[in-house]
Amino acid sequence: MAEVEVICPGFGRTGTLSLYTALNKLGYKTHHMIEVIDNPTQVAAWLKAARDRTAGRPIDWHSLLGSGGYNATVDWPSAAFFKELMVAYPRAKVLLAIRDFD
């Protein structure tokens, strides 16, 4: 199972696609909303994670990220789970990109 090493909890339009590209060039396998769009079967797994969180059940990060070999996360849907990811992967670096209000 891949261990998540980088968590980027910034919202869309804060440079997440650039971070995705940079992290991949640095050798990470990065999960971004693009991965969900390209693989719609991930939608059910992320919806299950949301239901599990609401019900107070643990989230199976192996099913969501580890089985796909992801070791970095940016953008949605993982940004919505940044607190849970920080607990699950306490050694991960957190890189927050922000954007000024237009």
PDB file of N, CA and C in Angstrom:
ATOM      1  N   MET A   1       0.843  -1.178   0.000  1.00  0.00           N
ATOM      2  CA  MET A   1       0.000   0.000   0.000  1.00  0.00           C
ATOM      3  C   MET A   1       0.887   1.240   0.000  1.00  0.00           C
ATOM      4  N   ALA A   2       0.528   2.181  -0.834  1.00  0.00           N
ATOM      5  CA  ALA A   2       1.278   3.436  -0.883  1.00  0.00           C
ATOM      6  C   ALA A   2       0.981   4.261   0.361  1.00  0.00           C
ATOM      7  N   GLU A   3       1.988   4.879   0.880  1.00  0.00           N
ATOM      8  CA  GLU A   3       1.849   5.779   2.027  1.00  0.00           C
ATOM      9  C   GLU A   3       1.749   7.201   1.480  1.00  0.00           C
ATOM     10  N   VAL A   4       0.712   7.922   1.855  1.00  0.00           N
ATOM     11  CA  VAL A   4       0.570   9.302   1.393  1.00  0.00           C
ATOM     12  C   VAL A   4       1.668  10.140   2.045  1.00  0.00           C
ATOM     13  N   GLU A   5       2.441  10.822   1.215  1.00  0.00           N
ATOM     14  CA  GLU A   5       3.564  11.625   1.682  1.00  0.00           C
ATOM     15  C   GLU A   5       3.300  13.121   1.596  1.00  0.00           C
ATOM     16  N   VAL A   6       2.375  13.521   0.711  1.00  0.00           N
ATOM     17  CA  VAL A   6       2.076  14.942   0.522  1.00  0.00           C
ATOM     18  C   VAL A   6       0.566  15.118   0.451  1.00  0.00           C
ATOM     19  N   ILE A   7       0.049  16.049   1.251  1.00  0.00           N
ATOM     20  CA  ILE A   7      -1.375  16.388   1.255  1.00  0.00           C
ATOM     21  C   ILE A   7      -1.479  17.865   0.898  1.00  0.00           C
ATOM     22  N   CYS A   8      -2.195  18.165  -0.177  1.00  0.00           N
ATOM     23  CA  CYS A   8      -2.406  19.552  -0.607  1.00  0.00           C
ATOM     24  C   CYS A   8      -3.895  19.853  -0.489  1.00  0.00           C
ATOM     25  N   PRO A   9      -4.324  20.465   0.621  1.00  0.00           N
ATOM     26  CA  PRO A   9      -5.750  20.637   0.876  1.00  0.00           C
ATOM     27  C   PRO A   9      -6.385  21.871   0.246  1.00  0.00           C
ATOM     28  N   GLY A  10      -5.682  22.562  -0.645  1.00  0.00           N
ATOM     29  CA  GLY A  10      -6.242  23.771  -1.247  1.00  0.00           C
ATOM     30  C   GLY A  10      -7.435  23.479  -2.142  1.00  0.00           C
ATOM     31  N   PHE A  11      -8.322  24.453  -2.219  1.00  0.00           N
ATOM     32  CA  PHE A  11      -9.493  24.334  -3.085  1.00  0.00           C
ATOM     33  C   PHE A  11      -9.081  24.504  -4.542  1.00  0.00           C
ATOM     34  N   GLY A  12      -9.987  24.114  -5.437  1.00  0.00           N
ATOM     35  CA  GLY A  12      -9.766  24.330  -6.857  1.00  0.00           C
ATOM     36  C   GLY A  12      -9.515  25.808  -7.135  1.00  0.00           C
ATOM     37  N   ARG A  13      -8.781  26.087  -8.198  1.00  0.00           N
ATOM     38  CA  ARG A  13      -8.413  27.440  -8.603  1.00  0.00           C
ATOM     39  C   ARG A  13      -7.344  28.054  -7.696  1.00  0.00           C
ATOM     40  N   THR A  14      -6.647  27.201  -6.936  1.00  0.00           N
ATOM     41  CA  THR A  14      -5.523  27.689  -6.123  1.00  0.00           C
ATOM     42  C   THR A  14      -4.202  27.089  -6.611  1.00  0.00           C
ATOM     43  N   GLY A  15      -4.176  26.694  -7.862  1.00  0.00           N
ATOM     44  CA  GLY A  15      -2.960  26.120  -8.420  1.00  0.00           C
ATOM     45  C   GLY A  15      -2.862  24.615  -8.275  1.00  0.00           C
ATOM     46  N   THR A  16      -4.002  23.958  -8.055  1.00  0.00           N
ATOM     47  CA  THR A  16      -3.948  22.515  -7.823  1.00  0.00           C
ATOM     48  C   THR A  16      -3.463  21.742  -9.046  1.00  0.00           C
ATOM     49  N   LEU A  17      -3.822  22.174 -10.241  1.00  0.00           N
ATOM     50  CA  LEU A  17      -3.352  21.462 -11.432  1.00  0.00           C
ATOM     51  C   LEU A  17      -1.840  21.634 -11.588  1.00  0.00           C
ATOM     52  N   SER A  18      -1.339  22.811 -11.278  1.00  0.00           N
ATOM     53  CA  SER A  18       0.113  23.031 -11.319  1.00  0.00           C
ATOM     54  C   SER A  18       0.819  22.184 -10.264  1.00  0.00           C
ATOM     55  N   LEU A  19       0.248  22.108  -9.062  1.00  0.00           N
ATOM     56  CA  LEU A  19       0.820  21.253  -8.016  1.00  0.00           C
ATOM     57  C   LEU A  19       0.789  19.790  -8.441  1.00  0.00           C
ATOM     58  N   TYR A  20      -0.312  19.365  -9.030  1.00  0.00           N
ATOM     59  CA  TYR A  20      -0.461  17.996  -9.534  1.00  0.00           C
ATOM     60  C   TYR A  20       0.662  17.686 -10.527  1.00  0.00           C
ATOM     61  N   THR A  21       0.859  18.588 -11.472  1.00  0.00           N
ATOM     62  CA  THR A  21       1.889  18.396 -12.492  1.00  0.00           C
ATOM     63  C   THR A  21       3.282  18.372 -11.869  1.00  0.00           C
ATOM     64  N   ALA A  22       3.546  19.307 -10.965  1.00  0.00           N
ATOM     65  CA  ALA A  22       4.867  19.379 -10.327  1.00  0.00           C
ATOM     66  C   ALA A  22       5.154  18.140  -9.488  1.00  0.00           C
ATOM     67  N   LEU A  23       4.185  17.721  -8.686  1.00  0.00           N
ATOM     68  CA  LEU A  23       4.394  16.537  -7.843  1.00  0.00           C
ATOM     69  C   LEU A  23       4.631  15.296  -8.695  1.00  0.00           C
ATOM     70  N   ASN A  24       3.882  15.153  -9.786  1.00  0.00           N
ATOM     71  CA  ASN A  24       4.100  14.010 -10.672  1.00  0.00           C
ATOM     72  C   ASN A  24       5.490  14.061 -11.296  1.00  0.00           C
ATOM     73  N   LYS A  25       5.945  15.245 -11.676  1.00  0.00           N
ATOM     74  CA  LYS A  25       7.299  15.374 -12.239  1.00  0.00           C
ATOM     75  C   LYS A  25       8.370  15.041 -11.202  1.00  0.00           C
ATOM     76  N   LEU A  26       8.050  15.273  -9.933  1.00  0.00           N
ATOM     77  CA  LEU A  26       8.993  14.943  -8.855  1.00  0.00           C
ATOM     78  C   LEU A  26       8.952  13.465  -8.472  1.00  0.00           C
ATOM     79  N   GLY A  27       8.088  12.692  -9.137  1.00  0.00           N
ATOM     80  CA  GLY A  27       8.049  11.256  -8.904  1.00  0.00           C
ATOM     81  C   GLY A  27       6.904  10.756  -8.054  1.00  0.00           C
ATOM     82  N   TYR A  28       6.031  11.650  -7.618  1.00  0.00           N
ATOM     83  CA  TYR A  28       4.861  11.217  -6.853  1.00  0.00           C
ATOM     84  C   TYR A  28       3.773  10.739  -7.802  1.00  0.00           C
ATOM     85  N   LYS A  29       2.921   9.874  -7.299  1.00  0.00           N
ATOM     86  CA  LYS A  29       1.691   9.532  -8.016  1.00  0.00           C
ATOM     87  C   LYS A  29       0.588  10.291  -7.283  1.00  0.00           C
ATOM     88  N   THR A  30       0.063  11.302  -7.927  1.00  0.00           N
ATOM     89  CA  THR A  30      -0.788  12.287  -7.271  1.00  0.00           C
ATOM     90  C   THR A  30      -2.250  12.111  -7.643  1.00  0.00           C
ATOM     91  N   HIS A  31      -3.097  12.127  -6.613  1.00  0.00           N
ATOM     92  CA  HIS A  31      -4.542  12.052  -6.839  1.00  0.00           C
ATOM     93  C   HIS A  31      -5.104  13.464  -6.930  1.00  0.00           C
ATOM     94  N   HIS A  32      -5.837  13.728  -8.004  1.00  0.00           N
ATOM     95  CA  HIS A  32      -6.464  15.025  -8.303  1.00  0.00           C
ATOM     96  C   HIS A  32      -7.848  14.707  -8.850  1.00  0.00           C
ATOM     97  N   MET A  33      -8.717  15.662  -8.890  1.00  0.00           N
ATOM     98  CA  MET A  33     -10.061  15.454  -9.430  1.00  0.00           C
ATOM     99  C   MET A  33     -10.016  14.868 -10.845  1.00  0.00           C
ATOM    100  N   ILE A  34      -8.955  15.154 -11.569  1.00  0.00           N
ATOM    101  CA  ILE A  34      -8.783  14.581 -12.911  1.00  0.00           C
ATOM    102  C   ILE A  34      -8.845  13.057 -12.855  1.00  0.00           C
ATOM    103  N   GLU A  35      -8.294  12.482 -11.790  1.00  0.00           N
ATOM    104  CA  GLU A  35      -8.298  11.027 -11.646  1.00  0.00           C
ATOM    105  C   GLU A  35      -9.724  10.497 -11.526  1.00  0.00           C
ATOM    106  N   VAL A  36     -10.589  11.235 -10.851  1.00  0.00           N
ATOM    107  CA  VAL A  36     -11.987  10.818 -10.691  1.00  0.00           C
ATOM    108  C   VAL A  36     -12.719  10.958 -12.022  1.00  0.00           C
ATOM    109  N   ILE A  37     -12.463  12.045 -12.734  1.00  0.00           N
ATOM    110  CA  ILE A  37     -13.101  12.253 -14.038  1.00  0.00           C
ATOM    111  C   ILE A  37     -12.672  11.158 -15.009  1.00  0.00           C
ATOM    112  N   ASP A  38     -11.386  10.823 -14.994  1.00  0.00           N
ATOM    113  CA  ASP A  38     -10.869   9.785 -15.893  1.00  0.00           C
ATOM    114  C   ASP A  38     -11.268   8.377 -15.475  1.00  0.00           C
ATOM    115  N   ASN A  39     -11.644   8.185 -14.210  1.00  0.00           N
ATOM    116  CA  ASN A  39     -11.998   6.866 -13.697  1.00  0.00           C
ATOM    117  C   ASN A  39     -13.263   6.996 -12.844  1.00  0.00           C
ATOM    118  N   PRO A  40     -14.435   7.074 -13.485  1.00  0.00           N
ATOM    119  CA  PRO A  40     -15.684   7.321 -12.757  1.00  0.00           C
ATOM    120  C   PRO A  40     -16.018   6.286 -11.687  1.00  0.00           C
ATOM    121  N   THR A  41     -15.380   5.127 -11.706  1.00  0.00           N
ATOM    122  CA  THR A  41     -15.652   4.147 -10.653  1.00  0.00           C
ATOM    123  C   THR A  41     -15.183   4.658  -9.292  1.00  0.00           C
ATOM    124  N   GLN A  42     -14.291   5.654  -9.288  1.00  0.00           N
ATOM    125  CA  GLN A  42     -13.837   6.232  -8.025  1.00  0.00           C
ATOM    126  C   GLN A  42     -14.936   7.020  -7.319  1.00  0.00           C
ATOM    127  N   VAL A  43     -15.937   7.465  -8.071  1.00  0.00           N
ATOM    128  CA  VAL A  43     -17.011   8.266  -7.468  1.00  0.00           C
ATOM    129  C   VAL A  43     -17.668   7.502  -6.325  1.00  0.00           C
ATOM    130  N   ALA A  44     -17.998   6.243  -6.552  1.00  0.00           N
ATOM    131  CA  ALA A  44     -18.658   5.439  -5.513  1.00  0.00           C
ATOM    132  C   ALA A  44     -17.778   5.310  -4.271  1.00  0.00           C
ATOM    133  N   ALA A  45     -16.481   5.143  -4.461  1.00  0.00           N
ATOM    134  CA  ALA A  45     -15.570   5.000  -3.318  1.00  0.00           C
ATOM    135  C   ALA A  45     -15.501   6.290  -2.504  1.00  0.00           C
ATOM    136  N   TRP A  46     -15.475   7.439  -3.172  1.00  0.00           N
ATOM    137  CA  TRP A  46     -15.434   8.716  -2.452  1.00  0.00           C
ATOM    138  C   TRP A  46     -16.766   9.004  -1.776  1.00  0.00           C
ATOM    139  N   LEU A  47     -17.864   8.625  -2.412  1.00  0.00           N
ATOM    140  CA  LEU A  47     -19.172   8.785  -1.761  1.00  0.00           C
ATOM    141  C   LEU A  47     -19.258   7.915  -0.512  1.00  0.00           C
ATOM    142  N   LYS A  48     -18.704   6.706  -0.596  1.00  0.00           N
ATOM    143  CA  LYS A  48     -18.678   5.834   0.584  1.00  0.00           C
ATOM    144  C   LYS A  48     -17.848   6.482   1.697  1.00  0.00           C
ATOM    145  N   ALA A  49     -16.736   7.093   1.341  1.00  0.00           N
ATOM    146  CA  ALA A  49     -15.909   7.774   2.344  1.00  0.00           C
ATOM    147  C   ALA A  49     -16.699   8.890   3.028  1.00  0.00           C
ATOM    148  N   ALA A  50     -17.467   9.631   2.254  1.00  0.00           N
ATOM    149  CA  ALA A  50     -18.280  10.708   2.836  1.00  0.00           C
ATOM    150  C   ALA A  50     -19.346  10.139   3.767  1.00  0.00           C
ATOM    151  N   ARG A  51     -19.978   9.044   3.356  1.00  0.00           N
ATOM    152  CA  ARG A  51     -20.988   8.404   4.219  1.00  0.00           C
ATOM    153  C   ARG A  51     -20.339   7.848   5.484  1.00  0.00           C
ATOM    154  N   ASP A  52     -19.180   7.229   5.333  1.00  0.00           N
ATOM    155  CA  ASP A  52     -18.478   6.688   6.504  1.00  0.00           C
ATOM    156  C   ASP A  52     -18.122   7.803   7.483  1.00  0.00           C
ATOM    157  N   ARG A  53     -17.628   8.917   6.968  1.00  0.00           N
ATOM    158  CA  ARG A  53     -17.280  10.035   7.853  1.00  0.00           C
ATOM    159  C   ARG A  53     -18.519  10.534   8.588  1.00  0.00           C
ATOM    160  N   THR A  54     -19.617  10.701   7.865  1.00  0.00           N
ATOM    161  CA  THR A  54     -20.860  11.185   8.477  1.00  0.00           C
ATOM    162  C   THR A  54     -21.351  10.235   9.560  1.00  0.00           C
ATOM    163  N   ALA A  55     -21.182   8.934   9.322  1.00  0.00           N
ATOM    164  CA  ALA A  55     -21.641   7.922  10.282  1.00  0.00           C
ATOM    165  C   ALA A  55     -20.625   7.665  11.395  1.00  0.00           C
ATOM    166  N   GLY A  56     -19.474   8.316  11.334  1.00  0.00           N
ATOM    167  CA  GLY A  56     -18.453   8.113  12.359  1.00  0.00           C
ATOM    168  C   GLY A  56     -17.645   6.841  12.178  1.00  0.00           C
ATOM    169  N   ARG A  57     -17.729   6.237  10.986  1.00  0.00           N
ATOM    170  CA  ARG A  57     -16.955   5.026  10.707  1.00  0.00           C
ATOM    171  C   ARG A  57     -15.591   5.406  10.128  1.00  0.00           C
ATOM    172  N   PRO A  58     -14.596   4.553  10.330  1.00  0.00           N
ATOM    173  CA  PRO A  58     -13.278   4.844   9.753  1.00  0.00           C
ATOM    174  C   PRO A  58     -13.326   4.773   8.227  1.00  0.00           C
ATOM    175  N   ILE A  59     -12.509   5.574   7.605  1.00  0.00           N
ATOM    176  CA  ILE A  59     -12.421   5.595   6.142  1.00  0.00           C
ATOM    177  C   ILE A  59     -11.322   4.636   5.712  1.00  0.00           C
ATOM    178  N   ASP A  60     -11.611   3.846   4.703  1.00  0.00           N
ATOM    179  CA  ASP A  60     -10.647   2.880   4.176  1.00  0.00           C
ATOM    180  C   ASP A  60      -9.753   3.572   3.143  1.00  0.00           C
ATOM    181  N   TRP A  61      -8.682   4.183   3.621  1.00  0.00           N
ATOM    182  CA  TRP A  61      -7.790   4.917   2.730  1.00  0.00           C
ATOM    183  C   TRP A  61      -7.087   3.997   1.746  1.00  0.00           C
ATOM    184  N   HIS A  62      -6.914   2.727   2.111  1.00  0.00           N
ATOM    185  CA  HIS A  62      -6.295   1.797   1.166  1.00  0.00           C
ATOM    186  C   HIS A  62      -7.149   1.669  -0.089  1.00  0.00           C
ATOM    187  N   SER A  63      -8.468   1.553   0.083  1.00  0.00           N
ATOM    188  CA  SER A  63      -9.358   1.453  -1.080  1.00  0.00           C
ATOM    189  C   SER A  63      -9.338   2.724  -1.914  1.00  0.00           C
ATOM    190  N   LEU A  64      -9.278   3.858  -1.252  1.00  0.00           N
ATOM    191  CA  LEU A  64      -9.347   5.131  -1.968  1.00  0.00           C
ATOM    192  C   LEU A  64      -8.038   5.521  -2.638  1.00  0.00           C
ATOM    193  N   LEU A  65      -6.950   5.381  -1.936  1.00  0.00           N
ATOM    194  CA  LEU A  65      -5.677   5.899  -2.437  1.00  0.00           C
ATOM    195  C   LEU A  65      -4.596   4.837  -2.568  1.00  0.00           C
ATOM    196  N   GLY A  66      -4.441   4.031  -1.541  1.00  0.00           N
ATOM    197  CA  GLY A  66      -3.343   3.068  -1.518  1.00  0.00           C
ATOM    198  C   GLY A  66      -3.397   2.042  -2.623  1.00  0.00           C
ATOM    199  N   SER A  67      -4.587   1.538  -2.917  1.00  0.00           N
ATOM    200  CA  SER A  67      -4.688   0.499  -3.949  1.00  0.00           C
ATOM    201  C   SER A  67      -4.341   1.048  -5.326  1.00  0.00           C
ATOM    202  N   GLY A  68      -4.486   2.357  -5.505  1.00  0.00           N
ATOM    203  CA  GLY A  68      -4.115   2.980  -6.771  1.00  0.00           C
ATOM    204  C   GLY A  68      -2.674   3.453  -6.797  1.00  0.00           C
ATOM    205  N   GLY A  69      -1.969   3.257  -5.689  1.00  0.00           N
ATOM    206  CA  GLY A  69      -0.577   3.654  -5.623  1.00  0.00           C
ATOM    207  C   GLY A  69      -0.350   5.143  -5.409  1.00  0.00           C
ATOM    208  N   TYR A  70      -1.402   5.879  -5.059  1.00  0.00           N
ATOM    209  CA  TYR A  70      -1.256   7.321  -4.858  1.00  0.00           C
ATOM    210  C   TYR A  70      -0.483   7.611  -3.577  1.00  0.00           C
ATOM    211  N   ASN A  71       0.479   8.520  -3.668  1.00  0.00           N
ATOM    212  CA  ASN A  71       1.214   8.926  -2.475  1.00  0.00           C
ATOM    213  C   ASN A  71       1.220  10.443  -2.287  1.00  0.00           C
ATOM    214  N   ALA A  72       0.352  11.120  -3.034  1.00  0.00           N
ATOM    215  CA  ALA A  72       0.148  12.562  -2.869  1.00  0.00           C
ATOM    216  C   ALA A  72      -1.292  12.878  -3.264  1.00  0.00           C
ATOM    217  N   THR A  73      -1.862  13.910  -2.636  1.00  0.00           N
ATOM    218  CA  THR A  73      -3.239  14.300  -2.943  1.00  0.00           C
ATOM    219  C   THR A  73      -3.326  15.807  -3.135  1.00  0.00           C
ATOM    220  N   VAL A  74      -4.105  16.211  -4.128  1.00  0.00           N
ATOM    221  CA  VAL A  74      -4.411  17.625  -4.354  1.00  0.00           C
ATOM    222  C   VAL A  74      -5.857  17.727  -4.826  1.00  0.00           C
ATOM    223  N   ASP A  75      -6.460  18.890  -4.630  1.00  0.00           N
ATOM    224  CA  ASP A  75      -7.784  19.204  -5.166  1.00  0.00           C
ATOM    225  C   ASP A  75      -8.863  18.321  -4.546  1.00  0.00           C
ATOM    226  N   TRP A  76     -10.021  18.377  -5.119  1.00  0.00           N
ATOM    227  CA  TRP A  76     -11.159  17.574  -4.691  1.00  0.00           C
ATOM    228  C   TRP A  76     -11.009  16.176  -5.251  1.00  0.00           C
ATOM    229  N   PRO A  77     -11.555  15.187  -4.659  1.00  0.00           N
ATOM    230  CA  PRO A  77     -12.321  15.212  -3.429  1.00  0.00           C
ATOM    231  C   PRO A  77     -11.463  15.125  -2.162  1.00  0.00           C
ATOM    232  N   SER A  78     -10.178  14.844  -2.312  1.00  0.00           N
ATOM    233  CA  SER A  78      -9.357  14.639  -1.108  1.00  0.00           C
ATOM    234  C   SER A  78      -9.239  15.891  -0.246  1.00  0.00           C
ATOM    235  N   ALA A  79      -9.336  17.078  -0.840  1.00  0.00           N
ATOM    236  CA  ALA A  79      -9.246  18.310  -0.047  1.00  0.00           C
ATOM    237  C   ALA A  79     -10.344  18.381   1.007  1.00  0.00           C
ATOM    238  N   ALA A  80     -11.479  17.776   0.715  1.00  0.00           N
ATOM    239  CA  ALA A  80     -12.588  17.770   1.677  1.00  0.00           C
ATOM    240  C   ALA A  80     -12.300  16.866   2.875  1.00  0.00           C
ATOM    241  N   PHE A  81     -11.281  16.035   2.759  1.00  0.00           N
ATOM    242  CA  PHE A  81     -10.930  15.071   3.807  1.00  0.00           C
ATOM    243  C   PHE A  81      -9.548  15.357   4.398  1.00  0.00           C
ATOM    244  N   PHE A  82      -9.069  16.603   4.274  1.00  0.00           N
ATOM    245  CA  PHE A  82      -7.687  16.860   4.675  1.00  0.00           C
ATOM    246  C   PHE A  82      -7.428  16.561   6.145  1.00  0.00           C
ATOM    247  N   LYS A  83      -8.391  16.806   7.020  1.00  0.00           N
ATOM    248  CA  LYS A  83      -8.167  16.516   8.442  1.00  0.00           C
ATOM    249  C   LYS A  83      -8.005  15.015   8.667  1.00  0.00           C
ATOM    250  N   GLU A  84      -8.865  14.236   8.033  1.00  0.00           N
ATOM    251  CA  GLU A  84      -8.776  12.775   8.161  1.00  0.00           C
ATOM    252  C   GLU A  84      -7.470  12.257   7.559  1.00  0.00           C
ATOM    253  N   LEU A  85      -7.053  12.834   6.435  1.00  0.00           N
ATOM    254  CA  LEU A  85      -5.793  12.423   5.820  1.00  0.00           C
ATOM    255  C   LEU A  85      -4.606  12.748   6.728  1.00  0.00           C
ATOM    256  N   MET A  86      -4.646  13.901   7.384  1.00  0.00           N
ATOM    257  CA  MET A  86      -3.555  14.270   8.289  1.00  0.00           C
ATOM    258  C   MET A  86      -3.474  13.326   9.480  1.00  0.00           C
ATOM    259  N   VAL A  87      -4.614  12.828   9.942  1.00  0.00           N
ATOM    260  CA  VAL A  87      -4.618  11.855  11.041  1.00  0.00           C
ATOM    261  C   VAL A  87      -4.116  10.502  10.546  1.00  0.00           C
ATOM    262  N   ALA A  88      -4.581  10.093   9.374  1.00  0.00           N
ATOM    263  CA  ALA A  88      -4.201   8.785   8.824  1.00  0.00           C
ATOM    264  C   ALA A  88      -2.729   8.741   8.412  1.00  0.00           C
ATOM    265  N   TYR A  89      -2.194   9.875   7.985  1.00  0.00           N
ATOM    266  CA  TYR A  89      -0.805   9.945   7.510  1.00  0.00           C
ATOM    267  C   TYR A  89      -0.077  11.079   8.238  1.00  0.00           C
ATOM    268  N   PRO A  90       0.216  10.892   9.522  1.00  0.00           N
ATOM    269  CA  PRO A  90       0.787  11.987  10.324  1.00  0.00           C
ATOM    270  C   PRO A  90       2.173  12.445   9.872  1.00  0.00           C
ATOM    271  N   ARG A  91       2.881  11.636   9.112  1.00  0.00           N
ATOM    272  CA  ARG A  91       4.214  12.032   8.637  1.00  0.00           C
ATOM    273  C   ARG A  91       4.167  12.771   7.305  1.00  0.00           C
ATOM    274  N   ALA A  92       2.979  12.855   6.710  1.00  0.00           N
ATOM    275  CA  ALA A  92       2.854  13.529   5.411  1.00  0.00           C
ATOM    276  C   ALA A  92       3.116  15.026   5.552  1.00  0.00           C
ATOM    277  N   LYS A  93       3.691  15.579   4.520  1.00  0.00           N
ATOM    278  CA  LYS A  93       3.874  17.028   4.468  1.00  0.00           C
ATOM    279  C   LYS A  93       2.574  17.639   3.944  1.00  0.00           C
ATOM    280  N   VAL A  94       2.199  18.783   4.496  1.00  0.00           N
ATOM    281  CA  VAL A  94       0.989  19.482   4.068  1.00  0.00           C
ATOM    282  C   VAL A  94       1.416  20.757   3.355  1.00  0.00           C
ATOM    283  N   LEU A  95       0.950  20.896   2.124  1.00  0.00           N
ATOM    284  CA  LEU A  95       1.291  22.042   1.293  1.00  0.00           C
ATOM    285  C   LEU A  95      -0.006  22.751   0.920  1.00  0.00           C
ATOM    286  N   LEU A  96      -0.262  23.898   1.539  1.00  0.00           N
ATOM    287  CA  LEU A  96      -1.501  24.631   1.309  1.00  0.00           C
ATOM    288  C   LEU A  96      -1.249  25.802   0.376  1.00  0.00           C
ATOM    289  N   ALA A  97      -1.904  25.765  -0.761  1.00  0.00           N
ATOM    290  CA  ALA A  97      -1.859  26.883  -1.707  1.00  0.00           C
ATOM    291  C   ALA A  97      -3.156  27.669  -1.557  1.00  0.00           C
ATOM    292  N   ILE A  98      -3.022  28.986  -1.494  1.00  0.00           N
ATOM    293  CA  ILE A  98      -4.208  29.830  -1.366  1.00  0.00           C
ATOM    294  C   ILE A  98      -4.221  30.846  -2.504  1.00  0.00           C
ATOM    295  N   ARG A  99      -5.349  31.500  -2.643  1.00  0.00           N
ATOM    296  CA  ARG A  99      -5.508  32.484  -3.702  1.00  0.00           C
ATOM    297  C   ARG A  99      -6.227  33.692  -3.121  1.00  0.00           C
ATOM    298  N   ASP A 100      -5.766  34.872  -3.489  1.00  0.00           N
ATOM    299  CA  ASP A 100      -6.451  36.086  -3.054  1.00  0.00           C
ATOM    300  C   ASP A 100      -7.852  36.135  -3.644  1.00  0.00           C
ATOM    301  N   PHE A 101      -8.756  36.723  -2.896  1.00  0.00           N
ATOM    302  CA  PHE A 101     -10.118  36.907  -3.371  1.00  0.00           C
ATOM    303  C   PHE A 101     -10.093  37.887  -4.536  1.00  0.00           C
ATOM    304  N   ASP A 102     -10.770  37.530  -5.605  1.00  0.00           N
ATOM    305  CA  ASP A 102     -10.821  38.428  -6.782  1.00  0.00           C
ATOM    306  C   ASP A 102     -11.806  39.544  -6.576  1.00  0.00           C
TER     307      ASP A 102
END
